[in-house]
Amino acid sequence: MEGETLTCPFCGAPHRGVIPSGTVQVKCEYCGGTILVPSSASRCPNHPDVLAVGLCNDCGGSYCDSCLYLYKIKDATLHLCPSCFKKRKAKEVRVTLILGVLCLLIGFLNILVAPSLEAALRGFAIFVFAFPAIAWGVYRRSHLPKGATLRERRSH
């Protein structure tokens, strides 16, 4: 590694510390991302001719910058492989569908057991709200959004 500059694939900052022989990964001092120290053994499983530059935060696999997707959660950004990214997006969709079905059931039950017209109307409103939620969930399930990869983020 002597003479080479190791840069963080996530933020582009150079790694300034000494990297001992045999080290396979280091932590970026700026963004906290895990940087893989290049070796012939760390290759992207999706692109065997390309060196892996980072780890998936969910499965821990080594991937190139074309395969690591950025996934925002609260105050952090995760780096996910295509498979883990798709699983997280599908989980979001599942939550929408479950909420839609629950609203459908609650609304229907409120209509059935409503003691007054006002209560029945509230149940009907909940029942009607469920349809757009379910439709949105079904649409999102068939059109899972594509996220930005590390390579795309750096090119902008």
C-alpha atoms as a PDB file:
ATOM      1  CA  MET A   1       0.000   0.000   0.000  1.00  0.00           C
ATOM      2  CA  GLU A   2       2.998   2.276   0.152  1.00  0.00           C
ATOM      3  CA  GLY A   3       2.698   5.187  -2.267  1.00  0.00           C
ATOM      4  CA  GLU A   4      -1.048   4.619  -2.802  1.00  0.00           C
ATOM      5  CA  THR A   5      -3.749   6.852  -1.369  1.00  0.00           C
ATOM      6  CA  LEU A   6      -6.747   5.061   0.030  1.00  0.00           C
ATOM      7  CA  THR A   7      -9.897   7.166  -0.232  1.00  0.00           C
ATOM      8  CA  CYS A   8     -13.282   6.604   1.361  1.00  0.00           C
ATOM      9  CA  PRO A   9     -15.808   5.492  -1.276  1.00  0.00           C
ATOM     10  CA  PHE A  10     -18.599   7.098   0.745  1.00  0.00           C
ATOM     11  CA  CYS A  11     -17.323  10.641   1.333  1.00  0.00           C
ATOM     12  CA  GLY A  12     -14.158  10.780  -0.799  1.00  0.00           C
ATOM     13  CA  ALA A  13     -11.891  11.658   2.141  1.00  0.00           C
ATOM     14  CA  PRO A  14      -8.357  10.266   2.054  1.00  0.00           C
ATOM     15  CA  HIS A  15      -7.363   7.782   4.736  1.00  0.00           C
ATOM     16  CA  ARG A  16      -4.332   9.344   6.402  1.00  0.00           C
ATOM     17  CA  GLY A  17      -3.462   6.687   8.961  1.00  0.00           C
ATOM     18  CA  VAL A  18      -0.927   3.908   8.638  1.00  0.00           C
ATOM     19  CA  ILE A  19      -2.473   0.654   7.452  1.00  0.00           C
ATOM     20  CA  PRO A  20      -0.659  -2.359   8.905  1.00  0.00           C
ATOM     21  CA  SER A  21       0.069  -5.338   6.697  1.00  0.00           C
ATOM     22  CA  GLY A  22      -2.790  -7.823   6.605  1.00  0.00           C
ATOM     23  CA  THR A  23      -5.480  -5.238   7.413  1.00  0.00           C
ATOM     24  CA  VAL A  24      -8.628  -5.809   5.350  1.00  0.00           C
ATOM     25  CA  GLN A  25     -10.745  -2.826   6.434  1.00  0.00           C
ATOM     26  CA  VAL A  26     -10.357   0.556   8.114  1.00  0.00           C
ATOM     27  CA  LYS A  27     -12.848   3.100   9.407  1.00  0.00           C
ATOM     28  CA  CYS A  28     -13.131   6.515   7.747  1.00  0.00           C
ATOM     29  CA  GLU A  29     -12.189   9.255  10.209  1.00  0.00           C
ATOM     30  CA  TYR A  30     -14.678  11.662   8.611  1.00  0.00           C
ATOM     31  CA  CYS A  31     -17.917   9.797   7.862  1.00  0.00           C
ATOM     32  CA  GLY A  32     -17.410   6.562   9.835  1.00  0.00           C
ATOM     33  CA  GLY A  33     -17.841   4.358   6.743  1.00  0.00           C
ATOM     34  CA  THR A  34     -16.009   1.062   6.463  1.00  0.00           C
ATOM     35  CA  ILE A  35     -13.292   1.181   3.799  1.00  0.00           C
ATOM     36  CA  LEU A  36     -12.019  -2.071   2.384  1.00  0.00           C
ATOM     37  CA  VAL A  37      -8.283  -2.209   1.884  1.00  0.00           C
ATOM     38  CA  PRO A  38      -7.867  -3.438  -1.713  1.00  0.00           C
ATOM     39  CA  SER A  39      -6.558  -6.924  -2.212  1.00  0.00           C
ATOM     40  CA  SER A  40      -7.067  -9.523  -4.881  1.00  0.00           C
ATOM     41  CA  ALA A  41      -9.463 -11.378  -2.537  1.00  0.00           C
ATOM     42  CA  SER A  42     -11.981  -8.532  -2.068  1.00  0.00           C
ATOM     43  CA  ARG A  43     -13.907  -8.436  -5.328  1.00  0.00           C
ATOM     44  CA  CYS A  44     -17.517  -7.481  -5.917  1.00  0.00           C
ATOM     45  CA  PRO A  45     -19.651 -10.640  -6.263  1.00  0.00           C
ATOM     46  CA  ASN A  46     -21.791  -8.934  -8.943  1.00  0.00           C
ATOM     47  CA  HIS A  47     -18.778  -7.603 -10.886  1.00  0.00           C
ATOM     48  CA  PRO A  48     -15.852 -10.020 -10.361  1.00  0.00           C
ATOM     49  CA  ASP A  49     -13.494  -7.840 -12.394  1.00  0.00           C
ATOM     50  CA  VAL A  50     -13.992  -4.873 -10.009  1.00  0.00           C
ATOM     51  CA  LEU A  51     -12.510  -4.467  -6.529  1.00  0.00           C
ATOM     52  CA  ALA A  52     -14.978  -4.113  -3.679  1.00  0.00           C
ATOM     53  CA  VAL A  53     -14.899  -0.683  -2.030  1.00  0.00           C
ATOM     54  CA  GLY A  54     -17.316  -1.054   0.870  1.00  0.00           C
ATOM     55  CA  LEU A  55     -19.464  -3.323   2.979  1.00  0.00           C
ATOM     56  CA  CYS A  56     -23.243  -3.709   3.019  1.00  0.00           C
ATOM     57  CA  ASN A  57     -24.517  -2.539   6.416  1.00  0.00           C
ATOM     58  CA  ASP A  58     -27.096  -5.345   6.545  1.00  0.00           C
ATOM     59  CA  CYS A  59     -25.385  -8.498   5.242  1.00  0.00           C
ATOM     60  CA  GLY A  60     -21.732  -7.443   5.558  1.00  0.00           C
ATOM     61  CA  GLY A  61     -20.888  -8.443   1.972  1.00  0.00           C
ATOM     62  CA  SER A  62     -18.161  -6.630   0.004  1.00  0.00           C
ATOM     63  CA  TYR A  63     -19.412  -4.663  -3.027  1.00  0.00           C
ATOM     64  CA  CYS A  64     -18.196  -2.137  -5.612  1.00  0.00           C
ATOM     65  CA  ASP A  65     -19.466   1.438  -5.803  1.00  0.00           C
ATOM     66  CA  SER A  66     -21.991   0.466  -8.514  1.00  0.00           C
ATOM     67  CA  CYS A  67     -23.648  -2.047  -6.190  1.00  0.00           C
ATOM     68  CA  LEU A  68     -23.795  -0.146  -2.899  1.00  0.00           C
ATOM     69  CA  TYR A  69     -27.044   1.822  -2.582  1.00  0.00           C
ATOM     70  CA  LEU A  70     -27.574   4.741  -0.248  1.00  0.00           C
ATOM     71  CA  TYR A  71     -30.506   4.223   2.144  1.00  0.00           C
ATOM     72  CA  LYS A  72     -31.441   7.034   4.516  1.00  0.00           C
ATOM     73  CA  ILE A  73     -32.755   6.308   8.010  1.00  0.00           C
ATOM     74  CA  LYS A  74     -33.387   9.095  10.515  1.00  0.00           C
ATOM     75  CA  ASP A  75     -29.986  10.804  10.916  1.00  0.00           C
ATOM     76  CA  ALA A  76     -27.829   8.247   9.101  1.00  0.00           C
ATOM     77  CA  THR A  77     -27.223   6.799   5.662  1.00  0.00           C
ATOM     78  CA  LEU A  78     -26.751   3.078   5.249  1.00  0.00           C
ATOM     79  CA  HIS A  79     -24.832   1.456   2.412  1.00  0.00           C
ATOM     80  CA  LEU A  80     -26.755  -1.575   1.150  1.00  0.00           C
ATOM     81  CA  CYS A  81     -26.178  -4.201  -1.519  1.00  0.00           C
ATOM     82  CA  PRO A  82     -28.897  -4.605  -4.184  1.00  0.00           C
ATOM     83  CA  SER A  83     -30.525  -7.519  -2.357  1.00  0.00           C
ATOM     84  CA  CYS A  84     -30.655  -5.823   1.063  1.00  0.00           C
ATOM     85  CA  PHE A  85     -31.817  -2.541  -0.511  1.00  0.00           C
ATOM     86  CA  LYS A  86     -34.710  -4.351  -2.203  1.00  0.00           C
ATOM     87  CA  LYS A  87     -35.634  -6.126   1.057  1.00  0.00           C
ATOM     88  CA  ARG A  88     -35.773  -2.821   2.967  1.00  0.00           C
ATOM     89  CA  LYS A  89     -37.905  -1.168   0.273  1.00  0.00           C
ATOM     90  CA  ALA A  90     -40.248  -4.196   0.207  1.00  0.00           C
ATOM     91  CA  LYS A  91     -40.605  -3.950   4.003  1.00  0.00           C
ATOM     92  CA  GLU A  92     -41.705  -0.302   3.674  1.00  0.00           C
ATOM     93  CA  VAL A  93     -44.344  -1.371   1.144  1.00  0.00           C
ATOM     94  CA  ARG A  94     -45.539  -4.183   3.403  1.00  0.00           C
ATOM     95  CA  VAL A  95     -46.169  -1.697   6.200  1.00  0.00           C
ATOM     96  CA  THR A  96     -48.325   0.442   3.862  1.00  0.00           C
ATOM     97  CA  LEU A  97     -50.329  -2.596   2.773  1.00  0.00           C
ATOM     98  CA  ILE A  98     -50.838  -3.799   6.345  1.00  0.00           C
ATOM     99  CA  LEU A  99     -52.050  -0.346   7.442  1.00  0.00           C
ATOM    100  CA  GLY A 100     -54.454  -0.250   4.493  1.00  0.00           C
ATOM    101  CA  VAL A 101     -55.913  -3.669   5.312  1.00  0.00           C
ATOM    102  CA  LEU A 102     -56.218  -2.761   9.013  1.00  0.00           C
ATOM    103  CA  CYS A 103     -58.084   0.449   8.108  1.00  0.00           C
ATOM    104  CA  LEU A 104     -60.362  -1.581   5.858  1.00  0.00           C
ATOM    105  CA  LEU A 105     -61.214  -4.012   8.672  1.00  0.00           C
ATOM    106  CA  ILE A 106     -61.601  -1.327  11.336  1.00  0.00           C
ATOM    107  CA  GLY A 107     -63.808   0.772   9.074  1.00  0.00           C
ATOM    108  CA  PHE A 108     -65.960  -2.217   8.145  1.00  0.00           C
ATOM    109  CA  LEU A 109     -66.368  -3.264  11.792  1.00  0.00           C
ATOM    110  CA  ASN A 110     -67.253   0.316  12.800  1.00  0.00           C
ATOM    111  CA  ILE A 111     -69.969   0.394  10.136  1.00  0.00           C
ATOM    112  CA  LEU A 112     -71.400  -2.938  11.310  1.00  0.00           C
ATOM    113  CA  VAL A 113     -71.564  -2.148  15.028  1.00  0.00           C
ATOM    114  CA  ALA A 114     -72.150   1.626  14.851  1.00  0.00           C
ATOM    115  CA  PRO A 115     -74.645   2.773  17.501  1.00  0.00           C
ATOM    116  CA  SER A 116     -75.404   5.963  15.556  1.00  0.00           C
ATOM    117  CA  LEU A 117     -75.261   7.443  12.076  1.00  0.00           C
ATOM    118  CA  GLU A 118     -72.286   9.605  13.110  1.00  0.00           C
ATOM    119  CA  ALA A 119     -70.297   6.542  14.203  1.00  0.00           C
ATOM    120  CA  ALA A 120     -71.232   4.755  10.970  1.00  0.00           C
ATOM    121  CA  LEU A 121     -69.974   7.726   8.937  1.00  0.00           C
ATOM    122  CA  ARG A 122     -66.669   7.674  10.834  1.00  0.00           C
ATOM    123  CA  GLY A 123     -66.377   3.964  10.059  1.00  0.00           C
ATOM    124  CA  PHE A 124     -67.194   4.641   6.409  1.00  0.00           C
ATOM    125  CA  ALA A 125     -64.489   7.346   6.242  1.00  0.00           C
ATOM    126  CA  ILE A 126     -61.910   4.907   7.647  1.00  0.00           C
ATOM    127  CA  PHE A 127     -63.160   2.235   5.240  1.00  0.00           C
ATOM    128  CA  VAL A 128     -62.823   4.590   2.239  1.00  0.00           C
ATOM    129  CA  PHE A 129     -59.348   5.763   3.348  1.00  0.00           C
ATOM    130  CA  ALA A 130     -58.149   2.155   3.200  1.00  0.00           C
ATOM    131  CA  PHE A 131     -58.546   1.852  -0.580  1.00  0.00           C
ATOM    132  CA  PRO A 132     -55.992   4.528  -1.576  1.00  0.00           C
ATOM    133  CA  ALA A 133     -53.546   3.144   1.005  1.00  0.00           C
ATOM    134  CA  ILE A 134     -53.901  -0.378  -0.406  1.00  0.00           C
ATOM    135  CA  ALA A 135     -53.690   0.889  -4.004  1.00  0.00           C
ATOM    136  CA  TRP A 136     -50.541   2.880  -3.148  1.00  0.00           C
ATOM    137  CA  GLY A 137     -48.995  -0.187  -1.502  1.00  0.00           C
ATOM    138  CA  VAL A 138     -49.783  -2.416  -4.496  1.00  0.00           C
ATOM    139  CA  TYR A 139     -48.354   0.188  -6.890  1.00  0.00           C
ATOM    140  CA  ARG A 140     -45.178   0.597  -4.832  1.00  0.00           C
ATOM    141  CA  ARG A 141     -44.782  -3.164  -4.600  1.00  0.00           C
ATOM    142  CA  SER A 142     -44.797  -3.504  -8.376  1.00  0.00           C
ATOM    143  CA  HIS A 143     -42.580  -0.422  -8.868  1.00  0.00           C
ATOM    144  CA  LEU A 144     -39.921  -0.615  -6.158  1.00  0.00           C
ATOM    145  CA  PRO A 145     -37.931   2.626  -6.339  1.00  0.00           C
ATOM    146  CA  LYS A 146     -34.355   2.557  -7.485  1.00  0.00           C
ATOM    147  CA  GLY A 147     -31.955   4.273  -5.121  1.00  0.00           C
ATOM    148  CA  ALA A 148     -28.759   6.163  -5.794  1.00  0.00           C
ATOM    149  CA  THR A 149     -25.545   4.161  -5.725  1.00  0.00           C
ATOM    150  CA  LEU A 150     -22.197   5.428  -4.461  1.00  0.00           C
ATOM    151  CA  ARG A 151     -21.009   5.848  -8.048  1.00  0.00           C
ATOM    152  CA  GLU A 152     -24.061   7.932  -8.994  1.00  0.00           C
ATOM    153  CA  ARG A 153     -23.681  10.107  -5.896  1.00  0.00           C
ATOM    154  CA  ARG A 154     -20.038  10.823  -6.681  1.00  0.00           C
ATOM    155  CA  SER A 155     -20.775  11.662 -10.328  1.00  0.00           C
ATOM    156  CA  HIS A 156     -23.275  14.407  -9.377  1.00  0.00           C
END
